[in-house]
Amino acid sequence: MTIHVQPVVRPEACPALVLNADYRPLSYYPLSIWCWQDAIKAVFLDRVNIVSEYDKVVRSPSFEIRLPSVISLKTYVKPSRNPAFTRFNVFLRDRFTCQYCGAHEDLTFDHVIPRSKGGQTTWENVVAACAPCNLRKGDRMPHEVEMWPRQHPFAPTLHDLHSNGRLFPPNYLHDSWLDYLYWDSELEP
């Protein structure tokens, strides 16, 4: 007698790519994904359509469902015209690189003009910086420590972030997602 044991499905094992009603991702960076529990909840609340599924199934006493790998919203959500000012987007604008020394690890952000000297927390005054450079610069002006950002901080467009994001693909991309990502890429002949 053979006993088939269904493997335990962990939440991070089967994320669902979330598309807007026009079948474009809600966001590219970070990529709009939901854990499988949120995706199934949205299906039962009739807020999404299942576009593609994984081979894995979850069961309850009264039903079973294949886990969605791609879902689309039933109602169109108008995308923002300007990217949100977030730590992630500052890092993405600066290509996950310290703007003082070029390091890629231990990143934080620095106010070019310190807040104590009137600097604001805005796109035009914040840069990605590694912790050692941030500590070295401290609460001083760039000319006081001769530390200048490699690029002048600026408010990026969605296109800027999209272009930079292509350099840092997500750690996980399921095959079923590929038809819905990078719509502006060239098609092969």
Protein backbone atom coordinates (compact mmCIF):
# COMPACT_ATOMS: atom_id res chain seq x y z
CA MET A 1 0.00 0.00 0.00
CA THR A 2 1.36 3.41 -0.97
CA ILE A 3 0.54 6.48 1.07
CA HIS A 4 0.78 9.80 -0.70
CA VAL A 5 1.69 12.66 1.58
CA GLN A 6 0.95 16.15 0.33
CA PRO A 7 3.99 18.36 0.93
CA VAL A 8 3.53 21.25 3.32
CA VAL A 9 3.03 24.45 1.33
CA ARG A 10 4.86 27.36 2.90
CA PRO A 11 3.66 30.93 2.27
CA GLU A 12 6.91 31.98 0.59
CA ALA A 13 6.92 28.89 -1.63
CA CYS A 14 4.25 30.02 -4.09
CA PRO A 15 3.85 33.78 -4.40
CA ALA A 16 1.35 35.13 -6.91
CA LEU A 17 2.23 37.87 -9.39
CA VAL A 18 -0.45 40.56 -9.11
CA LEU A 19 -1.51 42.25 -12.34
CA ASN A 20 -3.72 45.27 -12.75
CA ALA A 21 -6.95 44.85 -14.72
CA ASP A 22 -4.96 45.70 -17.88
CA TYR A 23 -2.65 42.70 -17.22
CA ARG A 24 0.39 44.79 -16.34
CA PRO A 25 2.06 44.33 -12.94
CA LEU A 26 0.87 46.75 -10.28
CA SER A 27 4.53 47.58 -9.73
CA TYR A 28 7.83 46.34 -11.07
CA TYR A 29 10.11 47.51 -8.28
CA PRO A 30 9.41 45.98 -5.94
CA LEU A 31 7.54 43.44 -8.02
CA SER A 32 3.87 43.22 -7.05
CA ILE A 33 3.50 39.80 -5.50
CA TRP A 34 1.21 38.41 -2.82
CA CYS A 35 1.69 35.35 -0.66
CA TRP A 36 -0.52 32.41 -1.62
CA GLN A 37 -2.88 32.99 1.34
CA ASP A 38 -3.65 36.58 0.26
CA ALA A 39 -4.11 35.46 -3.35
CA ILE A 40 -6.62 32.76 -2.36
CA LYS A 41 -8.45 35.15 -0.05
CA ALA A 42 -8.79 37.64 -2.94
CA VAL A 43 -10.13 34.84 -5.17
CA PHE A 44 -12.82 33.96 -2.63
CA LEU A 45 -13.71 37.63 -2.18
CA ASP A 46 -14.12 37.80 -5.99
CA ARG A 47 -11.59 40.65 -6.30
CA VAL A 48 -9.24 38.91 -8.76
CA ASN A 49 -9.20 36.54 -11.70
CA ILE A 50 -6.83 33.59 -11.74
CA VAL A 51 -4.65 33.88 -14.84
CA SER A 52 -2.22 31.04 -14.16
CA GLU A 53 -1.74 28.38 -11.50
CA TYR A 54 0.98 26.34 -9.84
CA ASP A 55 0.80 22.54 -9.77
CA LYS A 56 0.43 22.65 -5.97
CA VAL A 57 -2.97 22.26 -4.38
CA VAL A 58 -4.29 23.30 -0.98
CA ARG A 59 -7.24 21.52 0.56
CA SER A 60 -9.80 22.08 3.24
CA PRO A 61 -12.52 19.64 4.30
CA SER A 62 -14.95 21.13 1.77
CA PHE A 63 -12.85 22.15 -1.25
CA GLU A 64 -9.49 22.14 -2.96
CA ILE A 65 -7.82 24.77 -5.10
CA ARG A 66 -4.64 24.99 -7.12
CA LEU A 67 -2.45 27.83 -5.93
CA PRO A 68 -2.61 30.87 -8.23
CA SER A 69 0.72 31.92 -9.75
CA VAL A 70 -0.65 34.96 -11.64
CA ILE A 71 -3.78 36.91 -10.72
CA SER A 72 -5.33 40.04 -12.18
CA LEU A 73 -7.43 42.58 -10.35
CA LYS A 74 -11.02 42.86 -11.50
CA THR A 75 -10.99 46.63 -10.94
CA TYR A 76 -8.35 48.81 -12.58
CA VAL A 77 -6.08 50.69 -10.17
CA LYS A 78 -4.68 53.88 -11.68
CA PRO A 79 -0.90 53.77 -11.29
CA SER A 80 0.90 56.66 -9.66
CA ARG A 81 2.63 59.01 -12.08
CA ASN A 82 5.53 59.66 -9.73
CA PRO A 83 7.44 57.07 -7.74
CA ALA A 84 6.96 57.07 -3.99
CA PHE A 85 9.82 58.49 -1.94
CA THR A 86 10.90 55.33 -0.11
CA ARG A 87 14.19 53.91 1.11
CA PHE A 88 13.96 51.14 -1.50
CA ASN A 89 13.37 53.62 -4.32
CA VAL A 90 16.31 55.80 -3.18
CA PHE A 91 18.51 52.68 -3.26
CA LEU A 92 17.11 51.72 -6.67
CA ARG A 93 17.68 55.23 -8.07
CA ASP A 94 21.29 55.03 -6.82
CA ARG A 95 21.65 51.44 -8.09
CA PHE A 96 22.18 50.03 -4.60
CA THR A 97 25.55 51.80 -4.51
CA CYS A 98 27.02 54.09 -1.87
CA GLN A 99 27.21 57.48 -3.54
CA TYR A 100 30.45 58.29 -1.71
CA CYS A 101 32.65 55.20 -2.07
CA GLY A 102 30.81 52.85 -4.45
CA ALA A 103 30.20 50.06 -1.89
CA HIS A 104 27.15 47.83 -2.37
CA GLU A 105 26.75 46.50 1.16
CA ASP A 106 25.52 47.80 4.51
CA LEU A 107 23.51 50.56 2.81
CA THR A 108 21.61 53.27 4.59
CA PHE A 109 20.83 56.77 3.38
CA ASP A 110 22.48 60.12 3.97
CA HIS A 111 21.19 63.67 3.91
CA VAL A 112 23.71 65.53 1.72
CA ILE A 113 22.85 68.72 3.58
CA PRO A 114 22.30 67.47 7.15
CA ARG A 115 18.88 68.02 8.67
CA SER A 116 20.52 69.94 11.52
CA LYS A 117 21.72 72.45 8.90
CA GLY A 118 18.33 72.84 7.20
CA GLY A 119 18.50 69.85 4.85
CA GLN A 120 15.20 68.23 3.97
CA THR A 121 14.29 64.58 3.57
CA THR A 122 13.58 64.81 -0.16
CA TRP A 123 14.72 63.15 -3.37
CA GLU A 124 17.02 66.12 -4.01
CA ASN A 125 18.87 65.81 -0.67
CA VAL A 126 19.02 62.09 0.14
CA VAL A 127 21.48 59.56 -1.31
CA ALA A 128 22.32 55.92 -0.68
CA ALA A 129 25.38 55.63 1.55
CA CYS A 130 27.15 52.74 3.22
CA ALA A 131 27.20 52.85 7.01
CA PRO A 132 30.96 53.65 7.22
CA CYS A 133 30.64 56.65 4.85
CA ASN A 134 27.50 57.84 6.59
CA LEU A 135 29.29 57.67 9.93
CA ARG A 136 32.38 59.41 8.51
CA LYS A 137 30.35 62.25 7.00
CA GLY A 138 28.19 62.51 10.08
CA ASP A 139 26.44 65.81 10.64
CA ARG A 140 28.73 67.82 8.38
CA MET A 141 28.42 69.49 5.01
CA PRO A 142 30.07 67.77 2.01
CA HIS A 143 32.75 70.48 1.67
CA GLU A 144 33.71 70.12 5.35
CA VAL A 145 34.73 66.47 4.88
CA GLU A 146 35.38 66.57 1.11
CA MET A 147 32.75 63.91 0.47
CA TRP A 148 30.64 64.59 -2.61
CA PRO A 149 27.97 62.25 -3.98
CA ARG A 150 28.95 60.57 -7.26
CA GLN A 151 25.69 61.78 -8.78
CA HIS A 152 23.65 64.77 -7.72
CA PRO A 153 20.47 63.49 -6.01
CA PHE A 154 17.32 63.93 -8.10
CA ALA A 155 13.68 62.92 -8.20
CA PRO A 156 13.58 59.90 -10.54
CA THR A 157 10.83 59.13 -12.99
CA LEU A 158 9.14 55.75 -13.09
CA HIS A 159 11.18 55.14 -16.25
CA ASP A 160 14.44 55.80 -14.33
CA LEU A 161 13.50 53.27 -11.67
CA HIS A 162 12.28 50.78 -14.26
CA SER A 163 15.57 51.02 -16.16
CA ASN A 164 17.64 50.60 -12.99
CA GLY A 165 15.41 47.79 -11.77
CA ARG A 166 16.27 45.68 -14.80
CA LEU A 167 19.81 45.52 -13.42
CA PHE A 168 18.48 43.90 -10.22
CA PRO A 169 15.97 41.20 -11.13
CA PRO A 170 14.01 39.64 -8.28
CA ASN A 171 15.44 36.51 -6.68
CA TYR A 172 12.43 34.53 -7.80
CA LEU A 173 10.64 34.68 -11.14
CA HIS A 174 8.25 31.84 -11.92
CA ASP A 175 8.01 30.83 -15.60
CA SER A 176 4.29 31.70 -15.63
CA TRP A 177 5.15 35.33 -14.83
CA LEU A 178 7.47 35.98 -17.76
CA ASP A 179 4.76 36.82 -20.29
CA TYR A 180 3.60 39.69 -18.04
CA LEU A 181 6.94 41.29 -17.23
CA TYR A 182 9.00 43.76 -19.26
CA TRP A 183 6.34 44.58 -21.82
CA ASP A 184 8.58 47.16 -23.41
CA SER A 185 11.36 44.71 -24.25
CA GLU A 186 12.11 43.88 -27.85
CA LEU A 187 10.46 40.82 -29.28
CA GLU A 188 12.62 38.17 -30.85
CA PRO A 189 12.07 37.66 -34.60
